[in-house]
Amino acid sequence: MKKTYLLINILAGAIMSFNAGAADAPKELNLGILGGQNATQQIGDNMCVKDFLDKKLNVDTKLRNSSDYSGVIQGLLGEKVDMVLSMSPSSFASVYIANPNAVDLAGIVVDDSDQSRGYHSVVVVKADSPYQKLEDLKGQSFGFADQDSTSGYLIPDHVFKKQFGGNIDNKYNNFFSSVTFSGGHEQDILGVLNGQFEGAVTWASMVGDYNTGYNTGAFVRLIKADHPDLMKQIRIIWQSPLIPNGPILVRHSLPADFKAKLVDAIQQLDKQDHQCFIKAVGGKQHIAPTSLKEFQDIIDLKRDLIKGNR
């Protein structure tokens, strides 16, 4: 009789535990999408992700696209964003510095063709301009993307300080005639094309065919949008050392069981619908493991930048 009661108690406990886990599972999932790109295109590129996660996790996935990078940073810190498929390393650094326990690293995107784990900040000018190297832009207007962008500000800012002295406040010892934040990588490229800037930064994998905008980056997004001849209209005059690709993040405080299922679902998305994954992350990439060590240099640079701005 005691064994019967014990079995009943075990089964009851298991049922209660299952029900509690089911009750804890969120019914809504918030996917953060970095700003700086065409909002309609952003939503369209991530609709297949929403459909996949809705079915796999029995949730209603909300696409939380922001007009700038800061919106996603604040969303993660304020627990209003649950996951990001390809975060700016600099933006991840901002989250980590503010709260090291806010997010978990679920992976990093890696190039499909050569397994490269990074990309480059590049300076572009119009193809018919006289500028052939960075030094030729002395006295000209320049465009950055977003203050929380790695390739669109953090890395070139670091290089310009070393090369020209000063900082963004004094236009790097007045090397540039003006320095402006356009709001995003596509805006930087378009700013060069329409004469708003003589030079500007954006990002590219520098892997693959130049004429198609490389495998990954702002060029390929803009080409697919409405600029098929883009690579004939611009010229790259500088590129940075390799920057680690964006991490895949999930909110740390999500219920543990649900978080494990979410990470598994992201892995399944990559394998079962790779074309959807490519569309969402903006390039021919797949998921690989990562650790904090891979982003430590970016975190250190961001910490120094924050200290310097105080």
Protein backbone atom coordinates (compact mmCIF):
# COMPACT_ATOMS: atom_id res chain seq x y z
CA MET A 1 0.00 0.00 0.00
CA LYS A 2 2.83 2.38 0.85
CA LYS A 3 4.39 1.67 -2.55
CA THR A 4 1.08 2.55 -4.25
CA TYR A 5 0.87 5.87 -2.37
CA LEU A 6 4.53 6.58 -3.22
CA LEU A 7 3.89 5.94 -6.92
CA ILE A 8 0.81 8.16 -6.86
CA ASN A 9 2.78 10.95 -5.17
CA ILE A 10 5.61 10.68 -7.72
CA LEU A 11 3.14 10.83 -10.62
CA ALA A 12 1.30 13.75 -9.03
CA GLY A 13 4.56 15.60 -8.54
CA ALA A 14 5.58 14.99 -12.14
CA ILE A 15 2.20 16.24 -13.41
CA MET A 16 2.42 19.33 -11.21
CA SER A 17 5.97 19.96 -12.42
CA PHE A 18 4.89 19.58 -16.06
CA ASN A 19 1.94 21.91 -15.58
CA ALA A 20 4.14 24.46 -13.83
CA GLY A 21 6.64 24.31 -16.69
CA ALA A 22 3.86 24.69 -19.24
CA ALA A 23 2.43 27.62 -17.29
CA ASP A 24 5.86 29.26 -17.14
CA ALA A 25 6.38 28.97 -20.90
CA PRO A 26 5.79 32.37 -22.53
CA LYS A 27 2.95 32.68 -25.01
CA GLU A 28 4.66 35.59 -26.72
CA LEU A 29 8.23 35.78 -28.00
CA ASN A 30 9.89 39.08 -28.85
CA LEU A 31 12.46 38.98 -31.65
CA GLY A 32 14.67 42.08 -31.67
CA ILE A 33 15.81 43.41 -35.05
CA LEU A 34 18.54 46.05 -35.25
CA GLY A 35 17.66 49.34 -36.93
CA GLY A 36 19.50 51.14 -39.68
CA GLN A 37 17.76 49.36 -42.54
CA ASN A 38 14.49 49.67 -44.43
CA ALA A 39 11.81 48.75 -41.88
CA THR A 40 9.51 47.08 -44.42
CA GLN A 41 12.37 44.93 -45.69
CA GLN A 42 13.38 44.05 -42.12
CA ILE A 43 9.89 42.80 -41.30
CA GLY A 44 9.65 40.90 -44.58
CA ASP A 45 13.03 39.21 -44.09
CA ASN A 46 11.98 37.92 -40.66
CA MET A 47 8.41 36.79 -41.32
CA CYS A 48 9.58 33.25 -42.08
CA VAL A 49 11.39 33.22 -38.71
CA LYS A 50 8.16 34.21 -36.98
CA ASP A 51 6.22 31.44 -38.76
CA PHE A 52 8.86 28.84 -37.88
CA LEU A 53 9.10 29.77 -34.18
CA ASP A 54 5.33 30.12 -33.79
CA LYS A 55 4.86 26.52 -34.91
CA LYS A 56 7.85 25.05 -33.06
CA LEU A 57 7.27 26.79 -29.72
CA ASN A 58 3.52 27.43 -29.77
CA VAL A 59 4.08 31.16 -29.31
CA ASP A 60 3.14 34.39 -31.02
CA THR A 61 6.47 35.84 -32.17
CA LYS A 62 6.48 39.63 -32.28
CA LEU A 63 9.02 41.32 -34.57
CA ARG A 64 10.48 44.21 -32.56
CA ASN A 65 12.40 46.22 -35.14
CA SER A 66 13.91 49.44 -33.89
CA SER A 67 14.83 52.64 -35.70
CA ASP A 68 18.31 52.40 -34.14
CA TYR A 69 20.55 49.92 -32.34
CA SER A 70 19.81 51.44 -28.95
CA GLY A 71 16.20 50.27 -29.06
CA VAL A 72 17.27 46.62 -29.12
CA ILE A 73 19.93 47.21 -26.44
CA GLN A 74 17.36 48.76 -24.12
CA GLY A 75 14.86 46.05 -25.03
CA LEU A 76 17.27 43.32 -23.89
CA LEU A 77 18.21 45.17 -20.71
CA GLY A 78 14.55 45.92 -19.94
CA GLU A 79 13.44 42.33 -20.71
CA LYS A 80 11.25 43.53 -23.59
CA VAL A 81 13.31 41.62 -26.19
CA ASP A 82 13.84 37.87 -25.82
CA MET A 83 16.21 37.04 -28.63
CA VAL A 84 18.30 38.56 -31.43
CA LEU A 85 19.49 36.46 -34.36
CA SER A 86 22.48 38.59 -35.33
CA MET A 87 23.45 41.29 -32.85
CA SER A 88 26.03 43.97 -33.47
CA PRO A 89 29.12 43.00 -31.41
CA SER A 90 29.35 46.59 -30.14
CA SER A 91 25.68 46.52 -29.13
CA PHE A 92 26.23 43.20 -27.36
CA ALA A 93 29.16 44.84 -25.55
CA SER A 94 26.84 47.66 -24.41
CA VAL A 95 24.40 45.11 -23.00
CA TYR A 96 27.18 43.10 -21.32
CA ILE A 97 28.81 46.17 -19.75
CA ALA A 98 25.46 47.35 -18.38
CA ASN A 99 24.47 43.89 -17.11
CA PRO A 100 26.73 40.84 -17.63
CA ASN A 101 23.80 38.54 -16.81
CA ALA A 102 21.22 40.07 -19.14
CA VAL A 103 21.72 37.68 -22.06
CA ASP A 104 23.17 34.29 -22.96
CA LEU A 105 25.29 33.65 -26.04
CA ALA A 106 23.49 31.08 -28.19
CA GLY A 107 26.01 31.07 -31.04
CA ILE A 108 27.68 33.14 -33.73
CA VAL A 109 26.94 33.34 -37.45
CA VAL A 110 29.68 31.87 -39.68
CA ASP A 111 30.14 32.16 -43.45
CA ASP A 112 28.83 29.15 -45.39
CA SER A 113 31.59 29.13 -48.00
CA ASP A 114 34.82 29.54 -46.05
CA GLN A 115 33.75 29.28 -42.39
CA SER A 116 35.05 32.78 -41.65
CA ARG A 117 33.80 34.13 -38.34
CA GLY A 118 34.08 37.83 -39.04
CA TYR A 119 33.53 40.80 -41.32
CA HIS A 120 35.09 44.19 -42.01
CA SER A 121 34.30 47.84 -41.60
CA VAL A 122 34.89 49.51 -44.96
CA VAL A 123 35.02 53.11 -46.15
CA VAL A 124 33.24 53.75 -49.43
CA VAL A 125 33.28 56.66 -51.87
CA LYS A 126 31.63 57.20 -55.23
CA ALA A 127 33.34 55.29 -58.01
CA ASP A 128 33.87 58.45 -60.06
CA SER A 129 35.35 60.43 -57.15
CA PRO A 130 39.07 61.26 -56.94
CA TYR A 131 39.52 59.56 -53.54
CA GLN A 132 41.74 56.48 -53.62
CA LYS A 133 42.76 56.11 -49.97
CA LEU A 134 41.56 57.25 -46.55
CA GLU A 135 44.00 60.16 -46.41
CA ASP A 136 42.42 61.62 -49.57
CA LEU A 137 39.27 62.42 -47.58
CA LYS A 138 41.02 65.23 -45.66
CA GLY A 139 38.71 68.25 -45.54
CA GLN A 140 35.69 66.24 -46.78
CA SER A 141 32.37 65.24 -45.22
CA PHE A 142 32.12 61.82 -43.59
CA GLY A 143 29.29 59.56 -42.47
CA PHE A 144 29.11 57.08 -39.61
CA ALA A 145 26.18 54.66 -39.22
CA ASP A 146 25.08 54.32 -35.58
CA GLN A 147 26.85 54.96 -32.28
CA ASP A 148 26.23 51.36 -31.23
CA SER A 149 27.44 49.85 -34.51
CA THR A 150 30.77 48.03 -34.48
CA SER A 151 31.77 48.55 -38.11
CA GLY A 152 29.69 51.70 -38.46
CA TYR A 153 31.41 53.54 -35.61
CA LEU A 154 33.36 51.70 -32.89
CA ILE A 155 36.16 50.28 -35.07
CA PRO A 156 36.63 53.21 -37.49
CA ASP A 157 36.48 55.68 -34.58
CA HIS A 158 39.30 53.75 -32.89
CA VAL A 159 41.37 53.78 -36.10
CA PHE A 160 40.74 57.45 -36.85
CA LYS A 161 41.78 58.49 -33.33
CA LYS A 162 45.09 56.68 -33.79
CA GLN A 163 45.68 57.88 -37.34
CA PHE A 164 44.46 61.48 -37.21
CA GLY A 165 44.30 62.27 -33.48
CA GLY A 166 41.47 63.99 -31.67
CA ASN A 167 38.04 62.42 -31.57
CA ILE A 168 34.62 62.65 -33.14
CA ASP A 169 33.83 65.88 -31.23
CA ASN A 170 36.60 67.80 -33.02
CA LYS A 171 36.21 65.79 -36.26
CA TYR A 172 39.51 64.01 -35.55
CA ASN A 173 41.58 67.16 -35.29
CA ASN A 174 39.45 68.63 -38.09
CA PHE A 175 40.63 66.02 -40.55
CA PHE A 176 37.05 65.86 -41.83
CA SER A 177 35.00 68.96 -42.61
CA SER A 178 31.96 67.34 -40.98
CA VAL A 179 31.08 64.07 -39.30
CA THR A 180 27.47 62.85 -39.22
CA PHE A 181 25.58 59.80 -37.97
CA SER A 182 23.25 58.77 -40.77
CA GLY A 183 21.32 56.23 -38.71
CA GLY A 184 22.41 53.06 -40.46
CA HIS A 185 24.62 51.27 -42.97
CA GLU A 186 22.27 51.59 -45.91
CA GLN A 187 21.85 55.29 -45.16
CA ASP A 188 25.63 55.68 -45.20
CA ILE A 189 25.90 54.13 -48.66
CA LEU A 190 22.97 56.13 -49.99
CA GLY A 191 24.48 59.26 -48.43
CA VAL A 192 27.62 58.73 -50.50
CA LEU A 193 25.61 58.10 -53.67
CA ASN A 194 23.49 61.24 -53.25
CA GLY A 195 26.42 63.48 -52.27
CA GLN A 196 25.55 63.91 -48.59
CA PHE A 197 28.95 62.45 -47.67
CA GLU A 198 32.16 62.18 -49.67
CA GLY A 199 33.02 59.06 -47.69
CA ALA A 200 31.21 56.80 -45.23
CA VAL A 201 31.60 53.50 -43.41
CA THR A 202 29.57 50.36 -43.83
CA TRP A 203 30.18 46.62 -43.45
CA ALA A 204 30.96 43.67 -45.69
CA SER A 205 32.29 40.14 -45.30
CA MET A 206 34.79 40.75 -48.16
CA VAL A 207 34.22 37.08 -48.98
CA GLY A 208 32.61 36.09 -52.26
CA ASP A 209 31.93 37.99 -55.46
CA TYR A 210 32.49 41.76 -55.32
CA ASN A 211 29.90 42.36 -58.06
CA THR A 212 27.13 40.79 -55.97
CA GLY A 213 28.12 42.73 -52.84
CA TYR A 214 30.07 39.81 -51.31
CA ASN A 215 28.38 36.99 -49.39
CA THR A 216 27.24 39.14 -46.50
CA GLY A 217 26.90 42.80 -45.66
CA ALA A 218 25.10 46.06 -46.36
CA PHE A 219 25.97 45.99 -50.07
CA VAL A 220 24.15 42.74 -50.75
CA ARG A 221 21.07 43.96 -48.86
CA LEU A 222 20.93 47.17 -50.85
CA ILE A 223 21.50 45.36 -54.15
CA LYS A 224 18.59 43.03 -53.41
CA ALA A 225 16.43 45.98 -52.41
CA ASP A 226 16.63 48.33 -55.39
CA HIS A 227 20.25 49.08 -56.38
CA PRO A 228 21.38 46.29 -58.75
CA ASP A 229 24.33 48.32 -60.08
CA LEU A 230 25.56 49.45 -56.66
CA MET A 231 29.04 47.93 -56.88
CA LYS A 232 29.73 49.86 -60.09
CA GLN A 233 28.73 53.09 -58.36
CA ILE A 234 30.96 52.85 -55.28
CA ARG A 235 34.61 52.13 -54.50
CA ILE A 236 36.09 50.72 -51.29
CA ILE A 237 39.18 52.68 -50.18
CA TRP A 238 39.79 51.21 -46.70
CA GLN A 239 38.94 48.10 -44.73
CA SER A 240 39.44 47.27 -41.08
CA PRO A 241 40.98 44.19 -39.51
CA LEU A 242 38.54 41.31 -39.02
CA ILE A 243 35.62 41.99 -36.64
CA PRO A 244 33.83 39.02 -35.02
CA ASN A 245 30.43 38.32 -36.56
CA GLY A 246 27.32 39.17 -34.58
CA PRO A 247 26.33 36.85 -31.73
CA ILE A 248 22.94 35.16 -31.41
CA LEU A 249 21.47 36.22 -28.07
CA VAL A 250 18.67 34.97 -25.85
CA ARG A 251 17.40 36.69 -22.73
CA HIS A 252 18.98 35.09 -19.66
CA SER A 253 15.90 35.40 -17.44
CA LEU A 254 13.63 33.35 -19.72
CA PRO A 255 12.36 30.15 -18.03
CA ALA A 256 15.16 27.60 -18.33
CA ASP A 257 13.12 24.90 -20.09
CA PHE A 258 11.69 27.35 -22.60
CA LYS A 259 15.09 28.93 -23.21
CA ALA A 260 16.57 25.51 -24.05
CA LYS A 261 13.71 24.87 -26.48
CA LEU A 262 14.21 28.31 -28.03
CA VAL A 263 17.92 27.72 -28.62
CA ASP A 264 17.11 24.33 -30.11
CA ALA A 265 14.48 25.92 -32.37
CA ILE A 266 17.02 28.46 -33.64
CA GLN A 267 19.38 25.59 -34.47
CA GLN A 268 16.54 23.78 -36.26
CA LEU A 269 15.69 26.91 -38.24
CA ASP A 270 19.27 27.05 -39.52
CA LYS A 271 19.23 23.40 -40.57
CA GLN A 272 15.61 22.86 -41.68
CA ASP A 273 15.00 26.17 -43.43
CA HIS A 274 18.45 27.55 -44.16
CA GLN A 275 17.17 29.95 -46.81
CA CYS A 276 14.97 31.59 -44.18
CA PHE A 277 17.92 31.82 -41.80
CA ILE A 278 20.07 33.40 -44.53
CA LYS A 279 17.35 35.92 -45.28
CA ALA A 280 16.98 36.89 -41.63
CA VAL A 281 20.70 37.32 -40.83
CA GLY A 282 21.44 39.02 -44.13
CA GLY A 283 23.95 36.67 -45.67
CA LYS A 284 25.01 33.12 -46.50
CA GLN A 285 25.79 32.10 -42.94
CA HIS A 286 25.08 29.37 -40.43
CA ILE A 287 25.32 28.97 -36.65
CA ALA A 288 28.49 27.93 -34.82
CA PRO A 289 29.35 27.81 -31.10
CA THR A 290 30.95 30.85 -29.48
CA SER A 291 32.02 32.18 -26.10
CA LEU A 292 32.56 35.52 -24.41
CA LYS A 293 36.26 35.33 -25.28
CA GLU A 294 35.47 35.87 -28.97
CA PHE A 295 33.98 39.30 -28.17
CA GLN A 296 36.33 40.38 -25.38
CA ASP A 297 38.34 42.81 -27.55
CA ILE A 298 35.12 44.53 -28.66
CA ILE A 299 33.91 44.72 -25.05
CA ASP A 300 37.22 46.29 -24.00
CA LEU A 301 37.07 48.84 -26.84
CA LYS A 302 33.50 49.73 -25.96
CA ARG A 303 34.36 50.10 -22.30
CA ASP A 304 37.23 52.46 -23.21
CA LEU A 305 34.92 54.46 -25.47
CA ILE A 306 32.34 54.82 -22.71
CA LYS A 307 35.03 55.95 -20.25
CA GLY A 308 36.36 58.46 -22.76
CA ASN A 309 32.90 59.98 -23.21
CA ARG A 310 32.46 60.65 -19.51
